Amino acid sequence: MARRRPSRAPTRANTTPTLRVIGGRWRSRRLPIADRPGLRPTPDRVRETLFNWLAPRIEGARCCDLFAGTGALGIEALSRGAASVDFFETDPMAARAITRALKTLEAGPAHAVHSGDACQATNRLAPASVDIAFLDPPFEANLHRAALTGLYGALRPDARVYLEYPIEQATDLGAVLAPDYTLLRQSSAAGVGFCLAAPAAHEPGSTT
């Protein structure tokens, strides 16, 4: 009787979560991200629409990515020609993953990764210095308004602010933005709502 070969342990598939850069100099690069509860990169379709909106402004812009999570928005901005990005992330593991991703991309000195409360970002950013801000706070934490308030002083007069939120909260957006911000554009995709706004005290004549 032939001897049976010992069965091999099943091979585990590589389940490390990754982020795909969708445009710019790092287009199609895949980067490992932290495997943390509730961490969700902004969907590809949403990023594509957002950066189409920002196309006339992204080159040379100084940006900040609040509640950076995977760093998807800030990394995409750097890939498309932003001059610099300040990443803010409270989870140490997620912040380290962003730092590793930027090192892998050889992003150079055009970025900083900050640990701590993103709602206090103004304390680490020079007044009126930010051209584009990305806000994607944890949906369940209800931090949208606090983050917008904390960010206001760091924005340039013609800045643009991206905000991502649960799609069911779209009808409450006016209350979240007022009185400090003016809604410029709004859309939804992949189950999330998102918009572009500007500081209301410096309301622009353009919607781009």
C-alpha atoms as a PDB file:
ATOM      1  CA  MET A   1       0.000   0.000   0.000  1.00  0.00           C
ATOM      2  CA  ALA A   2       1.433   3.331  -1.015  1.00  0.00           C
ATOM      3  CA  ARG A   3       2.305   5.612   1.805  1.00  0.00           C
ATOM      4  CA  ARG A   4       0.251   8.754   1.890  1.00  0.00           C
ATOM      5  CA  ARG A   5       2.084  11.995   1.762  1.00  0.00           C
ATOM      6  CA  PRO A   6       1.430  14.192   4.764  1.00  0.00           C
ATOM      7  CA  SER A   7      -1.110  16.808   3.902  1.00  0.00           C
ATOM      8  CA  ARG A   8       0.208  20.306   3.619  1.00  0.00           C
ATOM      9  CA  ALA A   9      -1.213  23.104   5.674  1.00  0.00           C
ATOM     10  CA  PRO A  10      -3.389  25.314   3.507  1.00  0.00           C
ATOM     11  CA  THR A  11      -1.562  28.302   2.125  1.00  0.00           C
ATOM     12  CA  ARG A  12      -2.933  31.523   3.463  1.00  0.00           C
ATOM     13  CA  ALA A  13      -3.645  34.168   0.889  1.00  0.00           C
ATOM     14  CA  ASN A  14      -1.931  37.487   1.327  1.00  0.00           C
ATOM     15  CA  THR A  15      -4.630  39.589   2.939  1.00  0.00           C
ATOM     16  CA  THR A  16      -2.552  42.675   3.674  1.00  0.00           C
ATOM     17  CA  PRO A  17      -4.765  45.648   2.776  1.00  0.00           C
ATOM     18  CA  THR A  18      -3.385  47.985   0.146  1.00  0.00           C
ATOM     19  CA  LEU A  19      -4.033  51.424  -1.276  1.00  0.00           C
ATOM     20  CA  ARG A  20      -3.839  52.123  -5.016  1.00  0.00           C
ATOM     21  CA  VAL A  21      -2.694  55.525  -6.247  1.00  0.00           C
ATOM     22  CA  ILE A  22      -4.963  56.428  -9.165  1.00  0.00           C
ATOM     23  CA  GLY A  23      -3.223  59.336 -10.883  1.00  0.00           C
ATOM     24  CA  GLY A  24      -0.025  61.334 -11.271  1.00  0.00           C
ATOM     25  CA  ARG A  25       3.599  60.252 -11.053  1.00  0.00           C
ATOM     26  CA  TRP A  26       2.830  57.270  -8.784  1.00  0.00           C
ATOM     27  CA  ARG A  27      -0.186  56.121 -10.748  1.00  0.00           C
ATOM     28  CA  SER A  28      -1.123  52.436 -10.207  1.00  0.00           C
ATOM     29  CA  ARG A  29       1.360  52.003  -7.332  1.00  0.00           C
ATOM     30  CA  ARG A  30      -0.044  49.822  -4.552  1.00  0.00           C
ATOM     31  CA  LEU A  31       0.973  50.567  -0.985  1.00  0.00           C
ATOM     32  CA  PRO A  32       0.362  48.514   2.178  1.00  0.00           C
ATOM     33  CA  ILE A  33      -1.848  50.257   4.717  1.00  0.00           C
ATOM     34  CA  ALA A  34      -2.485  49.666   8.398  1.00  0.00           C
ATOM     35  CA  ASP A  35      -5.013  46.930   9.155  1.00  0.00           C
ATOM     36  CA  ARG A  36      -7.040  48.815  11.742  1.00  0.00           C
ATOM     37  CA  PRO A  37     -10.736  48.629  12.680  1.00  0.00           C
ATOM     38  CA  GLY A  38     -12.772  51.251  10.868  1.00  0.00           C
ATOM     39  CA  LEU A  39      -9.919  52.367   8.619  1.00  0.00           C
ATOM     40  CA  ARG A  40     -11.342  52.960   5.142  1.00  0.00           C
ATOM     41  CA  PRO A  41      -9.502  54.559   2.248  1.00  0.00           C
ATOM     42  CA  THR A  42     -11.536  57.043   0.221  1.00  0.00           C
ATOM     43  CA  PRO A  43     -12.984  54.972  -2.679  1.00  0.00           C
ATOM     44  CA  ASP A  44     -11.288  55.222  -6.084  1.00  0.00           C
ATOM     45  CA  ARG A  45     -14.379  56.714  -7.758  1.00  0.00           C
ATOM     46  CA  VAL A  46     -14.604  59.429  -5.136  1.00  0.00           C
ATOM     47  CA  ARG A  47     -10.913  60.291  -5.416  1.00  0.00           C
ATOM     48  CA  GLU A  48     -11.170  60.441  -9.197  1.00  0.00           C
ATOM     49  CA  THR A  49     -14.035  62.945  -9.031  1.00  0.00           C
ATOM     50  CA  LEU A  50     -12.378  64.999  -6.291  1.00  0.00           C
ATOM     51  CA  PHE A  51      -9.087  65.392  -8.112  1.00  0.00           C
ATOM     52  CA  ASN A  52     -10.892  66.258 -11.342  1.00  0.00           C
ATOM     53  CA  TRP A  53     -12.467  69.120  -9.380  1.00  0.00           C
ATOM     54  CA  LEU A  54      -9.072  70.139  -8.012  1.00  0.00           C
ATOM     55  CA  ALA A  55      -7.115  69.730 -11.257  1.00  0.00           C
ATOM     56  CA  PRO A  56      -6.631  73.496 -11.860  1.00  0.00           C
ATOM     57  CA  ARG A  57      -5.363  73.978  -8.284  1.00  0.00           C
ATOM     58  CA  ILE A  58      -3.382  70.934  -7.198  1.00  0.00           C
ATOM     59  CA  GLU A  59      -0.046  71.739  -8.870  1.00  0.00           C
ATOM     60  CA  GLY A  60       2.157  73.484  -6.322  1.00  0.00           C
ATOM     61  CA  ALA A  61      -0.544  73.546  -3.631  1.00  0.00           C
ATOM     62  CA  ARG A  62       0.177  73.307   0.077  1.00  0.00           C
ATOM     63  CA  CYS A  63      -2.242  70.721   1.479  1.00  0.00           C
ATOM     64  CA  CYS A  64      -3.228  69.120   4.760  1.00  0.00           C
ATOM     65  CA  ASP A  65      -4.865  65.719   5.210  1.00  0.00           C
ATOM     66  CA  LEU A  66      -6.789  65.678   8.492  1.00  0.00           C
ATOM     67  CA  PHE A  67      -7.829  62.300   9.924  1.00  0.00           C
ATOM     68  CA  ALA A  68      -5.450  60.939   7.296  1.00  0.00           C
ATOM     69  CA  GLY A  69      -6.139  57.256   8.029  1.00  0.00           C
ATOM     70  CA  THR A  70      -4.480  55.489   5.112  1.00  0.00           C
ATOM     71  CA  GLY A  71      -3.071  58.744   3.731  1.00  0.00           C
ATOM     72  CA  ALA A  72      -4.957  58.151   0.473  1.00  0.00           C
ATOM     73  CA  LEU A  73      -5.906  61.769  -0.184  1.00  0.00           C
ATOM     74  CA  GLY A  74      -2.596  63.348   0.768  1.00  0.00           C
ATOM     75  CA  ILE A  75      -0.569  60.765  -1.155  1.00  0.00           C
ATOM     76  CA  GLU A  76      -2.798  61.286  -4.201  1.00  0.00           C
ATOM     77  CA  ALA A  77      -2.223  65.042  -3.915  1.00  0.00           C
ATOM     78  CA  LEU A  78       1.567  64.603  -3.822  1.00  0.00           C
ATOM     79  CA  SER A  79       1.395  62.226  -6.769  1.00  0.00           C
ATOM     80  CA  ARG A  80      -0.444  64.895  -8.770  1.00  0.00           C
ATOM     81  CA  GLY A  81       2.006  67.695  -8.037  1.00  0.00           C
ATOM     82  CA  ALA A  82       1.127  69.239  -4.673  1.00  0.00           C
ATOM     83  CA  ALA A  83       4.084  71.110  -3.180  1.00  0.00           C
ATOM     84  CA  SER A  84       3.582  69.697   0.317  1.00  0.00           C
ATOM     85  CA  VAL A  85       1.160  67.772   2.526  1.00  0.00           C
ATOM     86  CA  ASP A  86       0.795  67.750   6.308  1.00  0.00           C
ATOM     87  CA  PHE A  87      -0.788  64.468   7.416  1.00  0.00           C
ATOM     88  CA  PHE A  88      -2.625  64.344  10.783  1.00  0.00           C
ATOM     89  CA  GLU A  89      -3.509  60.938  12.272  1.00  0.00           C
ATOM     90  CA  THR A  90      -4.280  59.956  15.869  1.00  0.00           C
ATOM     91  CA  ASP A  91      -3.689  56.197  15.466  1.00  0.00           C
ATOM     92  CA  PRO A  92       0.081  55.566  15.870  1.00  0.00           C
ATOM     93  CA  MET A  93       0.003  52.409  13.726  1.00  0.00           C
ATOM     94  CA  ALA A  94      -1.779  54.190  10.891  1.00  0.00           C
ATOM     95  CA  ALA A  95       0.619  57.149  11.136  1.00  0.00           C
ATOM     96  CA  ARG A  96       3.621  54.813  10.902  1.00  0.00           C
ATOM     97  CA  ALA A  97       2.096  53.118   7.848  1.00  0.00           C
ATOM     98  CA  ILE A  98       1.735  56.501   6.127  1.00  0.00           C
ATOM     99  CA  THR A  99       5.378  57.298   6.919  1.00  0.00           C
ATOM    100  CA  ARG A 100       6.485  53.945   5.462  1.00  0.00           C
ATOM    101  CA  ALA A 101       4.398  54.479   2.324  1.00  0.00           C
ATOM    102  CA  LEU A 102       5.936  57.899   1.729  1.00  0.00           C
ATOM    103  CA  LYS A 103       9.415  56.441   2.213  1.00  0.00           C
ATOM    104  CA  THR A 104       8.625  53.667  -0.276  1.00  0.00           C
ATOM    105  CA  LEU A 105       7.517  56.294  -2.791  1.00  0.00           C
ATOM    106  CA  GLU A 106      10.674  58.339  -2.131  1.00  0.00           C
ATOM    107  CA  ALA A 107       8.411  61.335  -1.607  1.00  0.00           C
ATOM    108  CA  GLY A 108      11.262  63.472  -0.304  1.00  0.00           C
ATOM    109  CA  PRO A 109      10.847  66.264   2.252  1.00  0.00           C
ATOM    110  CA  ALA A 110       7.529  67.592   0.918  1.00  0.00           C
ATOM    111  CA  HIS A 111       5.469  66.117   3.739  1.00  0.00           C
ATOM    112  CA  ALA A 112       5.132  65.780   7.499  1.00  0.00           C
ATOM    113  CA  VAL A 113       3.172  63.165   9.459  1.00  0.00           C
ATOM    114  CA  HIS A 114       1.757  64.483  12.742  1.00  0.00           C
ATOM    115  CA  SER A 115       0.308  62.386  15.553  1.00  0.00           C
ATOM    116  CA  GLY A 116      -2.462  63.927  17.606  1.00  0.00           C
ATOM    117  CA  ASP A 117      -5.816  65.641  17.467  1.00  0.00           C
ATOM    118  CA  ALA A 118      -6.642  66.737  13.932  1.00  0.00           C
ATOM    119  CA  CYS A 119      -9.241  69.174  15.259  1.00  0.00           C
ATOM    120  CA  GLN A 120      -6.335  71.206  16.671  1.00  0.00           C
ATOM    121  CA  ALA A 121      -4.478  71.290  13.354  1.00  0.00           C
ATOM    122  CA  THR A 122      -4.404  75.089  13.337  1.00  0.00           C
ATOM    123  CA  ASN A 123      -1.926  74.941  16.226  1.00  0.00           C
ATOM    124  CA  ARG A 124       0.621  73.203  13.976  1.00  0.00           C
ATOM    125  CA  LEU A 125      -0.057  75.073  10.744  1.00  0.00           C
ATOM    126  CA  ALA A 126       0.891  78.655   9.989  1.00  0.00           C
ATOM    127  CA  PRO A 127      -2.055  81.047   9.689  1.00  0.00           C
ATOM    128  CA  ALA A 128      -3.475  81.413   6.175  1.00  0.00           C
ATOM    129  CA  SER A 129      -1.015  78.868   4.759  1.00  0.00           C
ATOM    130  CA  VAL A 130      -3.164  75.997   3.438  1.00  0.00           C
ATOM    131  CA  ASP A 131      -4.408  75.901  -0.167  1.00  0.00           C
ATOM    132  CA  ILE A 132      -6.300  72.593  -0.008  1.00  0.00           C
ATOM    133  CA  ALA A 133      -7.531  70.678   3.040  1.00  0.00           C
ATOM    134  CA  PHE A 134      -8.914  67.138   3.084  1.00  0.00           C
ATOM    135  CA  LEU A 135     -11.313  66.227   5.913  1.00  0.00           C
ATOM    136  CA  ASP A 136     -12.482  62.634   6.217  1.00  0.00           C
ATOM    137  CA  PRO A 137     -13.132  62.074   9.940  1.00  0.00           C
ATOM    138  CA  PRO A 138     -14.476  58.782  11.322  1.00  0.00           C
ATOM    139  CA  PHE A 139     -18.171  58.915  10.485  1.00  0.00           C
ATOM    140  CA  GLU A 140     -19.317  57.664  13.875  1.00  0.00           C
ATOM    141  CA  ALA A 141     -17.293  60.282  15.784  1.00  0.00           C
ATOM    142  CA  ASN A 142     -19.296  63.289  14.529  1.00  0.00           C
ATOM    143  CA  LEU A 143     -16.184  65.473  14.279  1.00  0.00           C
ATOM    144  CA  HIS A 144     -16.940  67.297  11.032  1.00  0.00           C
ATOM    145  CA  ARG A 145     -17.962  70.606  12.593  1.00  0.00           C
ATOM    146  CA  ALA A 146     -15.153  70.658  15.169  1.00  0.00           C
ATOM    147  CA  ALA A 147     -12.575  69.922  12.470  1.00  0.00           C
ATOM    148  CA  LEU A 148     -13.877  72.685  10.206  1.00  0.00           C
ATOM    149  CA  THR A 149     -13.761  75.165  13.080  1.00  0.00           C
ATOM    150  CA  GLY A 150     -10.219  74.182  14.060  1.00  0.00           C
ATOM    151  CA  LEU A 151      -8.998  74.395  10.473  1.00  0.00           C
ATOM    152  CA  TYR A 152     -10.433  77.785   9.549  1.00  0.00           C
ATOM    153  CA  GLY A 153      -7.531  79.988  10.673  1.00  0.00           C
ATOM    154  CA  ALA A 154      -4.978  77.968   8.689  1.00  0.00           C
ATOM    155  CA  LEU A 155      -6.743  78.425   5.342  1.00  0.00           C
ATOM    156  CA  ARG A 156      -5.708  80.855   2.648  1.00  0.00           C
ATOM    157  CA  PRO A 157      -8.473  83.212   1.437  1.00  0.00           C
ATOM    158  CA  ASP A 158      -8.991  81.206  -1.768  1.00  0.00           C
ATOM    159  CA  ALA A 159      -8.544  77.755  -0.187  1.00  0.00           C
ATOM    160  CA  ARG A 160     -10.616  74.702  -0.981  1.00  0.00           C
ATOM    161  CA  VAL A 161     -11.826  72.218   1.644  1.00  0.00           C
ATOM    162  CA  TYR A 162     -12.892  68.663   0.834  1.00  0.00           C
ATOM    163  CA  LEU A 163     -15.327  67.007   3.221  1.00  0.00           C
ATOM    164  CA  GLU A 164     -16.449  63.352   3.214  1.00  0.00           C
ATOM    165  CA  TYR A 165     -19.496  62.228   5.203  1.00  0.00           C
ATOM    166  CA  PRO A 166     -22.148  59.493   5.467  1.00  0.00           C
ATOM    167  CA  ILE A 167     -24.463  59.790   2.494  1.00  0.00           C
ATOM    168  CA  GLU A 168     -27.515  59.935   4.760  1.00  0.00           C
ATOM    169  CA  GLN A 169     -26.176  63.176   6.276  1.00  0.00           C
ATOM    170  CA  ALA A 170     -26.189  65.068   2.973  1.00  0.00           C
ATOM    171  CA  THR A 171     -29.324  66.983   3.960  1.00  0.00           C
ATOM    172  CA  ASP A 172     -27.553  68.284   7.099  1.00  0.00           C
ATOM    173  CA  LEU A 173     -24.540  69.599   5.201  1.00  0.00           C
ATOM    174  CA  GLY A 174     -25.626  73.232   5.268  1.00  0.00           C
ATOM    175  CA  ALA A 175     -25.745  73.229   9.061  1.00  0.00           C
ATOM    176  CA  VAL A 176     -22.282  71.644   9.251  1.00  0.00           C
ATOM    177  CA  LEU A 177     -20.706  74.217   6.922  1.00  0.00           C
ATOM    178  CA  ALA A 178     -22.482  77.406   8.018  1.00  0.00           C
ATOM    179  CA  PRO A 179     -21.549  80.085   8.801  1.00  0.00           C
ATOM    180  CA  ASP A 180     -17.819  79.711   8.091  1.00  0.00           C
ATOM    181  CA  TYR A 181     -17.884  77.873   4.764  1.00  0.00           C
ATOM    182  CA  THR A 182     -19.652  78.114   1.412  1.00  0.00           C
ATOM    183  CA  LEU A 183     -20.616  74.927  -0.437  1.00  0.00           C
ATOM    184  CA  LEU A 184     -19.200  74.855  -3.969  1.00  0.00           C
ATOM    185  CA  ARG A 185     -19.780  71.327  -5.261  1.00  0.00           C
ATOM    186  CA  GLN A 186     -21.415  68.200  -3.923  1.00  0.00           C
ATOM    187  CA  SER A 187     -21.721  64.594  -5.093  1.00  0.00           C
ATOM    188  CA  SER A 188     -21.914  60.992  -3.915  1.00  0.00           C
ATOM    189  CA  ALA A 189     -20.423  57.681  -5.015  1.00  0.00           C
ATOM    190  CA  ALA A 190     -19.601  54.283  -3.568  1.00  0.00           C
ATOM    191  CA  GLY A 191     -21.964  54.867  -0.650  1.00  0.00           C
ATOM    192  CA  VAL A 192     -20.421  58.107   0.641  1.00  0.00           C
ATOM    193  CA  GLY A 193     -21.235  61.781   0.229  1.00  0.00           C
ATOM    194  CA  PHE A 194     -18.551  64.364  -0.454  1.00  0.00           C
ATOM    195  CA  CYS A 195     -18.279  68.042  -1.226  1.00  0.00           C
ATOM    196  CA  LEU A 196     -15.930  70.927  -1.915  1.00  0.00           C
ATOM    197  CA  ALA A 197     -16.251  74.130   0.103  1.00  0.00           C
ATOM    198  CA  ALA A 198     -14.471  77.465   0.539  1.00  0.00           C
ATOM    199  CA  PRO A 199     -14.018  79.817   3.504  1.00  0.00           C
ATOM    200  CA  ALA A 200     -17.182  81.929   3.528  1.00  0.00           C
ATOM    201  CA  ALA A 201     -15.472  85.153   4.570  1.00  0.00           C
ATOM    202  CA  HIS A 202     -13.484  85.006   1.337  1.00  0.00           C
ATOM    203  CA  GLU A 203     -16.220  83.688  -0.946  1.00  0.00           C
ATOM    204  CA  PRO A 204     -14.679  83.262  -4.398  1.00  0.00           C
ATOM    205  CA  GLY A 205     -16.194  84.186  -7.716  1.00  0.00           C
ATOM    206  CA  SER A 206     -15.295  80.776  -9.143  1.00  0.00           C
ATOM    207  CA  THR A 207     -16.540  77.278  -8.302  1.00  0.00           C
ATOM    208  CA  THR A 208     -13.370  75.449  -9.325  1.00  0.00           C
END
